[in-house]
């Protein structure tokens, strides 16, 4: 192989790609989208609060109204227990209310009430949930009062358990540090999705480039000056350099855009939205006590973010748990592993896609040949999404060893800790498989790029592979 000619091909492929308007557009547009995704939850929470509504209350039970306290979303108006429900329903605007809340008389046997709301437009879920929970609080308080048991409310509060599982990891020196499984899960899924996206995107770019040159007959001129194998590997390496350039620019620009967006929005404004009455009430009503063992509750997160009180003395806050967990993760190892698995995973699939591209004259004809190649990639993607549930299970282990799925699945396992021999074995298998596939793809590519006028099949590819 002539490395001087290979370098010229790599340079040509690289410059040809980075000078395209589509490359520049995607390079600068993608970080904007990534930054938007990063801050989108905050924007959505800030922009989707319901407008304040006046709720007219007709409480015939006599127990609910004291529990209906105003907040940023609802303002309650007592219309009196004897108010005409039918008349009010017929003219809500005339009554000066947006919503009519009707509470029935107290059922002496069930010790409960019935509640109905009437409005011109359907109530939002948040408003409906808040009203419903206030009514339930009133009924529960009434039932406790009617039980006749002294201090029943205090007894129930004392019996209720709220044990929080705190996980620790122990290093070789015996030092204990807090580890939050939710952080590992998020990192695992993020790595799996990222590696899948990059391999699929840039491998497809290689195939498109091969098809474009073949259909325009440019490849005939090129192979008259260089070997077909040099042309194929030059194209693959050139696109790989384009991918790395774009990837690094995405990271840099995304960080810049996120910083700019946070500066314009204001940190205090973002943090303040978690502490307003309506949001706090909504969170408490939606899931006041529900926890996932080993993971932070939403209440913990809000407490940490808004820097409010409520963390028991000596107990780490939610932010401290997050920072401690990130400190346990070997980010250098993950970065190196990501780069390595991305490069060889890309080279493996790019060589196969280059062979497929050489056998067709347009991308429409390539779908049949692509399917068997993309299926392992998709399987690896789905296994990686669920790898956090059992990263050491037999299924996840074997998929992290199979070269066609290992770049995705192994990266999803690494945040949870992987034995060195497993990592080395996975890398060796991946590199070995790439060498074999690159050799086979080069043989197919050598013949395929000069074949015209026929839609190639796997039988044709196999025939080209056996040719000397």
Protein backbone atom coordinates (compact mmCIF):
# COMPACT_ATOMS: atom_id res chain seq x y z
CA UNK A 1 0.00 0.00 0.00
CA UNK A 2 1.38 3.40 -1.01
CA UNK A 3 1.02 5.58 2.09
CA UNK A 4 1.73 8.76 0.15
CA UNK A 5 -1.22 8.13 -2.14
CA UNK A 6 -3.28 7.04 0.86
CA UNK A 7 -2.52 10.38 2.55
CA UNK A 8 -3.60 12.28 -0.57
CA UNK A 9 -6.90 10.36 -0.66
CA UNK A 10 -7.48 10.99 3.05
CA UNK A 11 -6.78 14.71 2.58
CA UNK A 12 -9.09 14.88 -0.42
CA UNK A 13 -11.92 13.08 1.37
CA UNK A 14 -11.52 15.19 4.51
CA UNK A 15 -11.45 18.54 2.74
CA UNK A 16 -14.27 17.52 0.42
CA UNK A 17 -16.50 16.81 3.42
CA UNK A 18 -15.63 19.73 5.70
CA UNK A 19 -16.04 22.30 2.93
CA UNK A 20 -19.61 21.26 2.21
CA UNK A 21 -22.38 23.56 3.39
CA UNK A 22 -24.20 20.58 4.90
CA UNK A 23 -21.19 19.84 7.14
CA UNK A 24 -21.01 23.42 8.37
CA UNK A 25 -24.77 23.54 8.90
CA UNK A 26 -24.88 20.33 10.92
CA UNK A 27 -21.73 21.21 12.86
CA UNK A 28 -23.21 24.47 14.11
CA UNK A 29 -26.87 23.45 14.24
CA UNK A 30 -26.41 20.22 16.22
CA UNK A 31 -24.81 21.94 19.26
CA UNK A 32 -27.75 24.35 19.35
CA UNK A 33 -30.10 21.36 19.47
CA UNK A 34 -27.96 19.63 22.12
CA UNK A 35 -27.94 22.80 24.22
CA UNK A 36 -31.69 23.12 23.78
CA UNK A 37 -32.15 19.55 25.01
CA UNK A 38 -29.96 20.29 28.04
CA UNK A 39 -32.01 23.31 29.14
CA UNK A 40 -35.36 22.25 27.66
CA UNK A 41 -36.75 20.76 30.91
CA UNK A 42 -36.23 24.09 32.67
CA UNK A 43 -37.78 26.03 29.80
CA UNK A 44 -40.77 23.68 29.66
CA UNK A 45 -41.36 23.91 33.40
CA UNK A 46 -41.14 27.68 33.26
CA UNK A 47 -43.42 27.99 30.24
CA UNK A 48 -46.11 25.39 30.89
CA UNK A 49 -47.57 26.65 34.15
CA UNK A 50 -51.28 27.17 33.92
CA UNK A 51 -52.75 30.63 34.13
CA UNK A 52 -54.27 31.53 37.48
CA UNK A 53 -57.92 30.48 37.69
CA UNK A 54 -60.75 31.69 39.91
CA UNK A 55 -62.48 28.67 41.40
CA UNK A 56 -65.96 29.25 42.79
CA UNK A 57 -66.70 26.82 45.63
CA UNK A 58 -70.09 25.57 46.75
CA UNK A 59 -69.25 23.45 49.80
CA UNK A 60 -72.32 21.70 51.20
CA UNK A 61 -70.22 19.38 53.36
CA UNK A 62 -68.77 22.13 55.52
CA UNK A 63 -65.40 20.37 55.82
CA UNK A 64 -63.59 21.04 52.53
CA UNK A 65 -63.53 24.83 52.19
CA UNK A 66 -60.99 25.44 55.03
CA UNK A 67 -58.49 23.24 53.16
CA UNK A 68 -58.77 25.13 49.88
CA UNK A 69 -55.90 27.59 50.17
CA UNK A 70 -54.96 29.99 47.39
CA UNK A 71 -51.72 29.54 45.44
CA UNK A 72 -50.17 30.83 42.21
CA UNK A 73 -52.46 28.67 40.08
CA UNK A 74 -55.83 28.78 41.85
CA UNK A 75 -57.79 31.43 43.74
CA UNK A 76 -60.80 30.06 45.62
CA UNK A 77 -64.03 32.03 46.08
CA UNK A 78 -66.68 30.91 48.56
CA UNK A 79 -70.06 31.11 46.83
CA UNK A 80 -71.95 29.79 49.83
CA UNK A 81 -73.41 26.36 50.58
CA UNK A 82 -76.90 27.40 49.42
CA UNK A 83 -75.84 28.73 46.02
CA UNK A 84 -77.78 27.60 42.94
CA UNK A 85 -75.50 25.13 41.13
CA UNK A 86 -77.55 25.06 37.93
CA UNK A 87 -77.71 28.83 37.72
CA UNK A 88 -73.95 29.14 38.26
CA UNK A 89 -73.18 26.51 35.63
CA UNK A 90 -75.25 28.42 33.09
CA UNK A 91 -73.23 31.62 33.51
CA UNK A 92 -69.75 31.10 34.93
CA UNK A 93 -68.48 34.44 33.62
CA UNK A 94 -71.42 36.22 35.20
CA UNK A 95 -70.49 34.65 38.53
CA UNK A 96 -66.93 35.91 38.10
CA UNK A 97 -65.31 32.48 38.14
CA UNK A 98 -63.46 30.28 35.67
CA UNK A 99 -64.25 27.00 37.40
CA UNK A 100 -67.17 25.93 39.57
CA UNK A 101 -66.35 23.38 42.28
CA UNK A 102 -69.37 21.65 43.77
CA UNK A 103 -68.92 19.64 46.99
CA UNK A 104 -71.82 17.37 47.98
CA UNK A 105 -73.23 16.97 51.44
CA UNK A 106 -71.26 14.67 53.74
CA UNK A 107 -72.15 10.98 53.47
CA UNK A 108 -72.55 9.86 57.11
CA UNK A 109 -71.86 6.19 56.33
CA UNK A 110 -68.86 6.49 53.99
CA UNK A 111 -67.60 9.61 55.77
CA UNK A 112 -66.83 11.09 52.38
CA UNK A 113 -68.07 13.59 49.80
CA UNK A 114 -68.55 13.80 46.07
CA UNK A 115 -66.88 16.57 44.10
CA UNK A 116 -67.53 17.92 40.62
CA UNK A 117 -66.00 20.73 38.62
CA UNK A 118 -67.56 22.68 35.76
CA UNK A 119 -65.66 24.90 33.34
CA UNK A 120 -65.83 26.08 29.76
CA UNK A 121 -62.49 24.43 28.98
CA UNK A 122 -61.10 21.19 30.39
CA UNK A 123 -59.01 21.64 33.50
CA UNK A 124 -55.26 21.12 33.22
CA UNK A 125 -53.90 18.07 34.99
CA UNK A 126 -51.98 20.13 37.55
CA UNK A 127 -54.99 22.18 38.63
CA UNK A 128 -57.26 19.14 38.79
CA UNK A 129 -54.71 17.19 40.85
CA UNK A 130 -54.22 20.04 43.32
CA UNK A 131 -57.96 20.46 43.92
CA UNK A 132 -58.46 16.71 44.24
CA UNK A 133 -55.66 16.34 46.78
CA UNK A 134 -56.97 19.22 48.88
CA UNK A 135 -60.38 17.54 49.04
CA UNK A 136 -58.80 14.22 50.03
CA UNK A 137 -56.84 15.98 52.80
CA UNK A 138 -60.08 17.41 54.16
CA UNK A 139 -61.85 14.03 54.11
CA UNK A 140 -58.92 12.27 55.80
CA UNK A 141 -58.79 14.90 58.52
CA UNK A 142 -62.54 14.51 59.11
CA UNK A 143 -62.27 10.73 59.35
CA UNK A 144 -59.45 11.02 61.87
CA UNK A 145 -61.55 13.43 63.92
CA UNK A 146 -64.57 11.10 63.83
CA UNK A 147 -62.59 8.00 64.81
CA UNK A 148 -62.64 9.01 68.44
CA UNK A 149 -59.06 7.87 68.93
CA UNK A 150 -57.00 10.44 70.74
CA UNK A 151 -53.94 11.72 68.87
CA UNK A 152 -54.64 9.39 65.91
CA UNK A 153 -53.01 11.77 63.46
CA UNK A 154 -49.79 11.85 65.48
CA UNK A 155 -49.88 8.05 65.84
CA UNK A 156 -50.25 7.56 62.08
CA UNK A 157 -47.44 10.01 61.38
CA UNK A 158 -45.23 8.18 63.86
CA UNK A 159 -45.95 4.75 62.36
CA UNK A 160 -45.27 5.80 58.80
CA UNK A 161 -41.79 4.80 57.60
CA UNK A 162 -39.55 6.83 55.31
CA UNK A 163 -36.33 4.81 55.09
CA UNK A 164 -33.96 5.98 52.36
CA UNK A 165 -31.43 3.51 51.00
CA UNK A 166 -28.01 5.07 50.70
CA UNK A 167 -25.46 3.21 48.57
CA UNK A 168 -21.71 3.30 49.13
CA UNK A 169 -18.79 1.95 47.13
CA UNK A 170 -15.56 0.79 48.74
CA UNK A 171 -12.26 1.29 46.92
CA UNK A 172 -9.05 -0.74 47.29
CA UNK A 173 -7.95 1.34 50.29
CA UNK A 174 -11.24 0.70 52.08
CA UNK A 175 -12.50 4.26 51.63
CA UNK A 176 -16.28 4.55 51.44
CA UNK A 177 -17.92 7.01 49.07
CA UNK A 178 -21.57 7.58 48.26
CA UNK A 179 -22.68 6.27 44.87
CA UNK A 180 -26.01 7.05 43.25
CA UNK A 181 -27.18 4.38 40.81
CA UNK A 182 -29.33 6.88 38.91
CA UNK A 183 -26.17 8.74 37.80
CA UNK A 184 -24.62 5.52 36.52
CA UNK A 185 -27.84 4.67 34.70
CA UNK A 186 -28.01 8.06 32.99
CA UNK A 187 -24.34 7.92 31.96
CA UNK A 188 -24.73 4.35 30.69
CA UNK A 189 -27.70 5.23 28.49
CA UNK A 190 -26.04 8.43 27.25
CA UNK A 191 -22.89 6.59 26.17
CA UNK A 192 -24.87 3.83 24.44
CA UNK A 193 -27.01 6.31 22.51
CA UNK A 194 -24.02 8.48 21.54
CA UNK A 195 -21.87 5.66 20.19
CA UNK A 196 -24.79 4.19 18.26
CA UNK A 197 -25.63 7.54 16.70
CA UNK A 198 -22.06 8.30 15.66
CA UNK A 199 -21.32 4.87 14.21
CA UNK A 200 -24.58 4.75 12.25
CA UNK A 201 -24.24 8.35 11.03
CA UNK A 202 -20.66 8.31 9.83
CA UNK A 203 -20.67 4.74 8.49
CA UNK A 204 -23.65 5.72 6.38
CA UNK A 205 -21.68 8.74 5.21
CA UNK A 206 -18.96 6.44 3.85
CA UNK A 207 -21.50 4.40 1.90
CA UNK A 208 -23.13 7.53 0.46
CA UNK A 209 -19.74 8.83 -0.63
CA UNK A 210 -18.90 5.54 -2.40
CA UNK A 211 -22.27 5.46 -4.18
CA UNK A 212 -21.92 9.11 -5.24
CA UNK A 213 -18.50 8.55 -6.81
CA UNK A 214 -19.57 5.31 -8.46
CA UNK A 215 -22.74 6.76 -9.97
CA UNK A 216 -20.85 9.80 -11.31
CA UNK A 217 -18.10 7.57 -12.74
CA UNK A 218 -15.45 9.57 -10.86
CA UNK A 219 -14.25 6.33 -9.29
CA UNK A 220 -13.06 5.07 -12.67
CA UNK A 221 -10.61 7.97 -12.89
CA UNK A 222 -9.47 7.46 -9.31
CA UNK A 223 -8.74 3.73 -9.58
CA UNK A 224 -6.59 4.41 -12.62
CA UNK A 225 -4.15 6.20 -10.32
CA UNK A 226 -4.48 4.36 -7.01
CA UNK A 227 -5.37 0.89 -5.84
CA UNK A 228 -9.00 0.21 -4.94
CA UNK A 229 -7.97 -0.79 -1.40
CA UNK A 230 -6.10 2.50 -0.96
CA UNK A 231 -9.15 4.38 -2.20
CA UNK A 232 -11.46 2.54 0.20
CA UNK A 233 -9.26 2.96 3.29
CA UNK A 234 -8.48 6.56 2.39
CA UNK A 235 -12.19 7.28 2.20
CA UNK A 236 -12.88 5.50 5.52
CA UNK A 237 -10.05 7.26 7.37
CA UNK A 238 -10.93 10.62 5.82
CA UNK A 239 -14.53 10.36 7.02
CA UNK A 240 -13.24 9.23 10.44
CA UNK A 241 -11.23 12.44 10.73
CA UNK A 242 -14.32 14.40 9.68
CA UNK A 243 -16.27 12.59 12.41
CA UNK A 244 -13.69 13.37 15.10
CA UNK A 245 -13.53 17.02 13.99
CA UNK A 246 -17.29 17.34 14.12
CA UNK A 247 -17.51 15.51 17.45
CA UNK A 248 -14.95 17.79 19.13
CA UNK A 249 -16.64 20.88 17.71
CA UNK A 250 -20.00 19.64 18.99
CA UNK A 251 -18.63 19.26 22.52
CA UNK A 252 -17.00 22.70 22.46
CA UNK A 253 -19.93 24.54 20.90
CA UNK A 254 -22.56 22.79 23.02
CA UNK A 255 -20.74 23.92 26.18
CA UNK A 256 -20.56 27.47 24.87
CA UNK A 257 -24.23 27.57 23.88
CA UNK A 258 -25.38 26.10 27.21
CA UNK A 259 -23.32 28.69 29.07
CA UNK A 260 -24.77 31.52 26.96
CA UNK A 261 -28.33 30.24 27.45
CA UNK A 262 -27.87 29.95 31.22
CA UNK A 263 -26.47 33.47 31.27
CA UNK A 264 -29.48 34.91 29.44
CA UNK A 265 -32.06 32.93 31.41
CA UNK A 266 -30.44 33.62 34.75
CA UNK A 267 -29.49 31.01 37.31
CA UNK A 268 -31.70 32.56 39.99
CA UNK A 269 -34.73 32.38 37.72
CA UNK A 270 -34.15 28.71 36.93
CA UNK A 271 -33.56 27.76 40.56
CA UNK A 272 -36.46 29.89 41.72
CA UNK A 273 -38.98 28.02 39.65
CA UNK A 274 -38.38 24.91 41.73
CA UNK A 275 -39.16 26.75 44.92
CA UNK A 276 -42.45 28.49 44.08
CA UNK A 277 -45.57 27.35 45.91
CA UNK A 278 -47.42 25.91 42.93
CA UNK A 279 -44.49 23.79 41.75
CA UNK A 280 -43.69 22.52 45.23
CA UNK A 281 -47.31 21.63 45.85
CA UNK A 282 -47.62 19.91 42.50
CA UNK A 283 -44.52 17.78 43.18
CA UNK A 284 -45.73 16.80 46.63
CA UNK A 285 -49.15 15.85 45.34
CA UNK A 286 -47.88 13.88 42.38
CA UNK A 287 -45.43 11.72 44.36
CA UNK A 288 -45.16 12.72 48.00
CA UNK A 289 -43.63 9.48 49.24
CA UNK A 290 -42.74 7.40 46.21
CA UNK A 291 -39.06 6.52 45.97
CA UNK A 292 -36.93 4.24 43.85
CA UNK A 293 -34.51 2.35 46.11
CA UNK A 294 -31.01 3.64 45.69
CA UNK A 295 -32.07 6.66 43.69
CA UNK A 296 -32.77 10.28 44.53
CA UNK A 297 -36.38 11.31 44.86
CA UNK A 298 -37.55 14.39 43.01
CA UNK A 299 -37.94 16.09 46.38
CA UNK A 300 -34.28 15.47 47.16
CA UNK A 301 -33.26 16.94 43.83
CA UNK A 302 -35.41 20.05 44.29
CA UNK A 303 -34.01 20.52 47.77
CA UNK A 304 -30.45 20.29 46.52
CA UNK A 305 -31.03 22.57 43.53
CA UNK A 306 -32.90 25.28 45.40
CA UNK A 307 -30.54 25.09 48.40
CA UNK A 308 -33.42 24.88 50.84
CA UNK A 309 -33.44 23.33 54.28
CA UNK A 310 -34.84 19.92 55.11
CA UNK A 311 -31.73 17.75 54.90
CA UNK A 312 -31.18 15.99 58.18
CA UNK A 313 -28.09 16.91 60.13
CA UNK A 314 -25.12 14.90 58.91
CA UNK A 315 -26.96 13.69 55.82
CA UNK A 316 -25.51 14.66 52.42
CA UNK A 317 -27.68 16.76 50.16
CA UNK A 318 -28.79 15.62 46.73
CA UNK A 319 -26.09 17.68 45.00
CA UNK A 320 -23.42 16.27 47.28
CA UNK A 321 -24.56 12.75 46.36
CA UNK A 322 -24.36 13.59 42.65
CA UNK A 323 -20.88 15.09 42.96
CA UNK A 324 -19.66 12.17 45.06
CA UNK A 325 -20.97 9.69 42.49
CA UNK A 326 -19.29 11.54 39.63
CA UNK A 327 -16.07 11.47 41.65
CA UNK A 328 -16.27 7.65 41.80
CA UNK A 329 -16.46 7.32 38.02
CA UNK A 330 -13.20 6.96 36.13
CA UNK A 331 -13.96 9.59 33.52
CA UNK A 332 -10.52 9.23 31.93
CA UNK A 333 -11.12 5.52 31.36
CA UNK A 334 -14.56 6.24 29.90
CA UNK A 335 -13.14 8.91 27.59
CA UNK A 336 -10.36 6.65 26.30
CA UNK A 337 -12.73 3.69 25.94
CA UNK A 338 -15.27 5.85 24.10
CA UNK A 339 -12.62 7.05 21.66
CA UNK A 340 -11.26 3.54 21.10
CA UNK A 341 -14.62 1.80 20.67
CA UNK A 342 -15.88 4.61 18.48
CA UNK A 343 -12.84 4.43 16.17
CA UNK A 344 -12.79 0.64 15.76
CA UNK A 345 -16.56 0.29 15.83
CA UNK A 346 -16.76 2.90 13.12
CA UNK A 347 -13.95 1.27 11.10
CA UNK A 348 -15.70 -2.11 11.33
CA UNK A 349 -19.07 -0.85 10.11
CA UNK A 350 -17.60 1.69 7.67
CA UNK A 351 -15.64 -1.03 5.88
CA UNK A 352 -18.81 -3.12 5.55
CA UNK A 353 -20.86 -0.15 4.37
CA UNK A 354 -18.14 0.73 1.86
CA UNK A 355 -18.42 -2.78 0.41
CA UNK A 356 -22.21 -2.43 0.23
CA UNK A 357 -21.91 0.97 -1.44
CA UNK A 358 -19.57 -0.44 -4.07
CA UNK A 359 -22.20 -2.98 -5.10
CA UNK A 360 -25.04 -0.54 -5.85
CA UNK A 361 -25.53 2.54 -8.01
CA UNK A 362 -28.04 4.40 -5.81
CA UNK A 363 -28.97 4.41 -2.15
CA UNK A 364 -32.43 2.98 -2.85
CA UNK A 365 -30.85 -0.30 -3.99
CA UNK A 366 -28.72 -0.55 -0.85
CA UNK A 367 -31.60 -1.12 1.60
CA UNK A 368 -31.70 -4.89 1.07
CA UNK A 369 -27.94 -5.23 1.62
CA UNK A 370 -27.94 -2.87 4.63
CA UNK A 371 -30.57 -4.73 6.63
CA UNK A 372 -28.40 -7.65 7.90
CA UNK A 373 -25.71 -5.14 8.88
CA UNK A 374 -27.94 -2.69 10.71
CA UNK A 375 -29.79 -5.38 12.70
CA UNK A 376 -26.79 -6.15 15.01
CA UNK A 377 -26.30 -2.41 15.45
CA UNK A 378 -29.94 -1.99 16.48
CA UNK A 379 -29.81 -5.00 18.81
CA UNK A 380 -26.73 -3.56 20.49
CA UNK A 381 -28.54 -0.25 20.91
CA UNK A 382 -31.54 -1.82 22.64
CA UNK A 383 -29.38 -4.02 24.88
CA UNK A 384 -27.37 -0.93 25.88
CA UNK A 385 -30.56 0.92 26.87
CA UNK A 386 -31.32 -1.77 29.47
CA UNK A 387 -27.74 -2.69 30.44
CA UNK A 388 -27.99 -0.58 33.62
CA UNK A 389 -30.52 -3.03 35.10
CA UNK A 390 -28.03 -5.92 35.15
CA UNK A 391 -24.65 -4.87 33.71
CA UNK A 392 -23.03 -8.19 34.71
CA UNK A 393 -25.79 -10.48 33.42
CA UNK A 394 -24.91 -13.17 30.89
CA UNK A 395 -26.90 -11.49 28.10
CA UNK A 396 -25.23 -8.09 28.55
CA UNK A 397 -21.81 -9.71 28.99
CA UNK A 398 -21.95 -11.65 25.73
CA UNK A 399 -23.29 -8.71 23.76
CA UNK A 400 -20.38 -6.66 25.11
CA UNK A 401 -18.02 -9.29 23.66
CA UNK A 402 -19.61 -9.80 20.23
CA UNK A 403 -17.71 -7.33 17.99
CA UNK A 404 -20.80 -6.14 16.10
CA UNK A 405 -22.50 -5.02 19.34
CA UNK A 406 -19.57 -4.54 21.75
CA UNK A 407 -18.82 -0.87 20.91
CA UNK A 408 -22.28 0.09 22.15
CA UNK A 409 -22.92 -2.42 24.95
CA UNK A 410 -19.45 -2.37 26.51
CA UNK A 411 -19.55 1.41 26.80
CA UNK A 412 -22.91 1.10 28.56
CA UNK A 413 -21.32 -1.33 31.06
CA UNK A 414 -18.14 0.63 31.82
CA UNK A 415 -19.72 3.16 34.26
CA UNK A 416 -20.68 0.22 36.53
CA UNK A 417 -17.15 -1.20 36.52
CA UNK A 418 -15.76 -3.80 34.12
CA UNK A 419 -12.94 -6.26 34.80
CA UNK A 420 -9.75 -5.46 32.90
CA UNK A 421 -9.67 -8.87 31.18
CA UNK A 422 -13.21 -8.35 29.87
CA UNK A 423 -12.30 -4.96 28.45
CA UNK A 424 -9.12 -6.29 26.83
CA UNK A 425 -10.91 -9.33 25.38
CA UNK A 426 -13.67 -7.15 23.93
CA UNK A 427 -11.09 -4.85 22.31
CA UNK A 428 -9.06 -7.73 20.86
CA UNK A 429 -12.16 -9.34 19.37
CA UNK A 430 -13.28 -6.01 17.92
CA UNK A 431 -9.90 -5.25 16.34
CA UNK A 432 -9.57 -8.81 14.99
CA UNK A 433 -13.04 -8.70 13.46
CA UNK A 434 -12.31 -5.31 11.90
CA UNK A 435 -9.15 -6.68 10.24
CA UNK A 436 -11.04 -9.64 8.77
CA UNK A 437 -13.98 -7.50 7.60
CA UNK A 438 -11.67 -4.84 6.17
CA UNK A 439 -9.81 -7.49 4.14
CA UNK A 440 -13.08 -8.98 2.85
CA UNK A 441 -14.59 -5.55 2.14
CA UNK A 442 -11.50 -4.48 0.20
CA UNK A 443 -11.82 -7.51 -2.08
CA UNK A 444 -15.51 -6.83 -2.68
CA UNK A 445 -14.88 -3.10 -3.15
CA UNK A 446 -12.16 -3.75 -5.73
CA UNK A 447 -14.62 -5.53 -8.03
CA UNK A 448 -17.87 -3.81 -7.06
CA UNK A 449 -16.93 -0.22 -7.86
CA UNK A 450 -16.48 -1.11 -11.52
CA UNK A 451 -19.73 -3.08 -11.86
CA UNK A 452 -22.65 -1.26 -13.51
CA UNK A 453 -26.10 -2.01 -14.82
CA UNK A 454 -27.07 -4.72 -12.33
CA UNK A 455 -28.62 -4.69 -8.86
CA UNK A 456 -26.17 -6.64 -6.73
CA UNK A 457 -27.17 -9.36 -4.26
CA UNK A 458 -25.35 -11.15 -1.45
CA UNK A 459 -24.57 -13.90 -3.91
CA UNK A 460 -22.75 -11.37 -6.08
CA UNK A 461 -20.82 -10.00 -3.12
CA UNK A 462 -19.74 -13.51 -2.14
CA UNK A 463 -18.65 -14.20 -5.72
CA UNK A 464 -16.53 -11.02 -5.74
CA UNK A 465 -15.04 -12.02 -2.39
CA UNK A 466 -13.73 -15.32 -3.84
CA UNK A 467 -12.21 -13.64 -6.89
CA UNK A 468 -8.44 -13.31 -6.90
